Amino acid sequence: MADLTHFDEGGNAHMVDVSEKSVTDRLAVAESAIKMTPETLALITEGTAKKGDVLGVARLAGIMGAKKTSDLIPLCHPLPITKVTLDLTPDASLPGVRIRATVKTSGKTGVEMEALTAASVAALTVYDMLKAAEKGMEIVHTRLLRKEGGKSGLYEAD
């Protein structure tokens, strides 16, 4: 378990001590998607969903999710997030919505979990906004795309 930093020598979960780390600029980009029928996607693209602006509400929910990550994921540090952006793009080839979350900070630990949470919460919000029309929607492809900063440097997904 030596490589797993959230466990101590005895295998017990603990919050990592980042006090000795340097403050660096950090960025993380994550993606998710939600698949649905073309008819449900049309509710978004035509602006006829009963609950209103699906993508606008999901964007705000994703931003809020990024800011609340340390409240949701037990061993995450609260971070001074400096920027969160969410791009939600209707995609007829899916069919559904593709979601990309970008989170930035200057701190002692990265924002990968914040970006993943933002993308996930946005996808869940799309589901919530449209579940009356389609309960079989599927959230797919949630993953980290890019991470910058910190001692491990750059990570880019294949």
Protein backbone atom coordinates (compact mmCIF):
# COMPACT_ATOMS: atom_id res chain seq x y z
CA MET A 1 0.00 0.00 0.00
CA ALA A 2 3.07 2.24 -0.09
CA ASP A 3 1.92 3.86 -3.36
CA LEU A 4 -1.58 4.59 -2.06
CA THR A 5 -1.21 7.88 -0.21
CA HIS A 6 -4.63 7.77 1.46
CA PHE A 7 -3.58 4.80 3.61
CA ASP A 8 -1.10 4.81 6.48
CA GLU A 9 1.44 2.07 7.24
CA GLY A 10 -1.26 0.06 9.02
CA GLY A 11 -3.64 0.21 6.04
CA ASN A 12 -5.95 2.75 7.68
CA ALA A 13 -7.50 5.51 5.61
CA HIS A 14 -6.25 9.01 6.44
CA MET A 15 -6.12 12.48 4.95
CA VAL A 16 -2.73 13.10 3.33
CA ASP A 17 -0.56 15.76 4.98
CA VAL A 18 0.16 18.33 2.26
CA SER A 19 1.71 20.93 4.58
CA GLU A 20 5.23 20.39 3.19
CA LYS A 21 4.17 20.59 -0.45
CA SER A 22 4.81 23.69 -2.55
CA VAL A 23 2.00 25.87 -3.78
CA THR A 24 1.81 25.52 -7.57
CA ASP A 25 -0.72 26.35 -10.26
CA ARG A 26 -2.84 23.30 -10.92
CA LEU A 27 -5.44 22.42 -13.52
CA ALA A 28 -7.61 19.39 -14.18
CA VAL A 29 -9.98 18.59 -17.02
CA ALA A 30 -12.56 15.81 -16.78
CA GLU A 31 -15.33 14.59 -19.03
CA SER A 32 -18.59 12.75 -18.78
CA ALA A 33 -21.53 12.16 -21.08
CA ILE A 34 -25.16 11.26 -20.77
CA LYS A 35 -26.82 9.12 -23.42
CA MET A 36 -30.51 9.48 -24.20
CA THR A 37 -32.96 8.98 -27.04
CA PRO A 38 -33.03 11.49 -29.89
CA GLU A 39 -36.49 12.56 -28.69
CA THR A 40 -35.17 13.44 -25.23
CA LEU A 41 -32.20 15.26 -26.74
CA ALA A 42 -34.65 17.30 -28.80
CA LEU A 43 -36.15 18.63 -25.54
CA ILE A 44 -32.76 20.22 -24.86
CA THR A 45 -31.98 21.46 -28.37
CA GLU A 46 -35.48 22.82 -28.93
CA GLY A 47 -35.70 24.34 -25.44
CA THR A 48 -38.95 22.53 -24.59
CA ALA A 49 -37.95 20.64 -21.42
CA LYS A 50 -40.61 21.17 -18.75
CA LYS A 51 -38.06 22.05 -16.06
CA GLY A 52 -36.44 24.79 -18.16
CA ASP A 53 -32.88 25.43 -19.33
CA VAL A 54 -31.35 21.97 -18.87
CA LEU A 55 -27.80 22.88 -19.87
CA GLY A 56 -27.75 26.15 -17.92
CA VAL A 57 -28.93 24.50 -14.71
CA ALA A 58 -26.51 21.58 -15.20
CA ARG A 59 -23.62 24.03 -15.74
CA LEU A 60 -24.38 25.78 -12.44
CA ALA A 61 -24.79 22.46 -10.65
CA GLY A 62 -21.38 21.32 -11.93
CA ILE A 63 -19.75 24.51 -10.65
CA MET A 64 -21.40 24.00 -7.27
CA GLY A 65 -20.30 20.36 -7.26
CA ALA A 66 -16.67 21.35 -7.81
CA LYS A 67 -16.88 23.76 -4.88
CA LYS A 68 -18.41 21.08 -2.60
CA THR A 69 -16.06 18.22 -3.48
CA SER A 70 -14.34 18.12 -0.09
CA ASP A 71 -17.78 17.81 1.55
CA LEU A 72 -18.63 14.81 -0.64
CA ILE A 73 -15.36 12.88 -0.94
CA PRO A 74 -14.13 12.10 2.59
CA LEU A 75 -10.36 12.44 2.13
CA CYS A 76 -10.30 15.44 -0.25
CA HIS A 77 -8.80 18.67 1.01
CA PRO A 78 -10.87 21.85 0.80
CA LEU A 79 -9.21 23.93 -1.91
CA PRO A 80 -9.28 27.57 -2.96
CA ILE A 81 -10.69 27.01 -6.43
CA THR A 82 -9.81 29.90 -8.74
CA LYS A 83 -11.81 28.86 -11.81
CA VAL A 84 -14.43 26.31 -12.87
CA THR A 85 -15.82 26.04 -16.39
CA LEU A 86 -18.27 23.52 -17.76
CA ASP A 87 -18.95 22.97 -21.43
CA LEU A 88 -22.11 20.99 -22.15
CA THR A 89 -22.54 20.10 -25.80
CA PRO A 90 -25.55 18.35 -27.31
CA ASP A 91 -24.33 15.55 -29.58
CA ALA A 92 -26.78 13.85 -31.95
CA SER A 93 -24.23 11.08 -32.68
CA LEU A 94 -24.26 9.92 -29.04
CA PRO A 95 -27.21 10.83 -28.81
CA GLY A 96 -26.96 12.91 -25.66
CA VAL A 97 -24.83 15.57 -24.02
CA ARG A 98 -21.05 15.64 -23.74
CA ILE A 99 -19.71 17.39 -20.64
CA ARG A 100 -16.24 18.82 -20.06
CA ALA A 101 -15.23 20.37 -16.73
CA THR A 102 -12.07 22.41 -16.18
CA VAL A 103 -10.97 23.40 -12.68
CA LYS A 104 -8.01 25.56 -11.63
CA THR A 105 -6.34 26.41 -8.34
CA SER A 106 -3.06 27.56 -6.90
CA GLY A 107 -2.47 25.21 -4.01
CA LYS A 108 -0.66 22.29 -2.45
CA THR A 109 -2.78 19.55 -3.98
CA GLY A 110 -4.52 18.98 -7.30
CA VAL A 111 -8.07 19.49 -8.49
CA GLU A 112 -8.67 16.19 -10.27
CA MET A 113 -11.48 15.21 -7.92
CA GLU A 114 -13.09 18.63 -8.29
CA ALA A 115 -13.12 18.31 -12.09
CA LEU A 116 -14.50 14.76 -11.93
CA THR A 117 -17.15 15.83 -9.43
CA ALA A 118 -18.14 18.82 -11.57
CA ALA A 119 -18.60 16.64 -14.66
CA SER A 120 -20.51 13.99 -12.67
CA VAL A 121 -22.84 16.45 -10.95
CA ALA A 122 -23.59 18.14 -14.27
CA ALA A 123 -24.48 14.76 -15.80
CA LEU A 124 -26.67 13.88 -12.82
CA THR A 125 -28.43 17.22 -13.15
CA VAL A 126 -29.18 16.61 -16.83
CA TYR A 127 -30.68 13.29 -15.74
CA ASP A 128 -32.75 14.97 -13.03
CA MET A 129 -34.03 17.64 -15.40
CA LEU A 130 -35.13 15.06 -18.00
CA LYS A 131 -36.06 11.95 -16.01
CA ALA A 132 -39.79 12.57 -16.49
CA ALA A 133 -39.23 12.16 -20.24
CA GLU A 134 -36.79 9.23 -20.06
CA LYS A 135 -35.74 7.16 -17.08
CA GLY A 136 -33.34 4.97 -19.09
CA MET A 137 -30.71 7.65 -19.73
CA GLU A 138 -27.16 6.45 -19.10
CA ILE A 139 -24.22 8.40 -17.67
CA VAL A 140 -21.05 7.21 -19.42
CA HIS A 141 -17.37 7.94 -20.01
CA THR A 142 -16.59 9.83 -16.80
CA ARG A 143 -12.81 10.19 -16.65
CA LEU A 144 -9.87 12.51 -16.11
CA LEU A 145 -8.55 13.92 -19.39
CA ARG A 146 -5.73 16.17 -18.21
CA LYS A 147 -3.93 17.21 -15.06
CA GLU A 148 -1.23 19.86 -14.74
CA GLY A 149 0.96 20.96 -11.84
CA GLY A 150 2.36 19.40 -8.71
CA LYS A 151 5.29 17.04 -8.41
CA SER A 152 3.79 14.42 -10.72
CA GLY A 153 3.58 17.01 -13.52
CA LEU A 154 1.48 16.59 -16.63
CA TYR A 155 -0.97 13.76 -17.21
CA GLU A 156 -2.96 13.39 -20.43
CA ALA A 157 -5.37 10.56 -21.13
CA ASP A 158 -4.87 8.55 -24.30
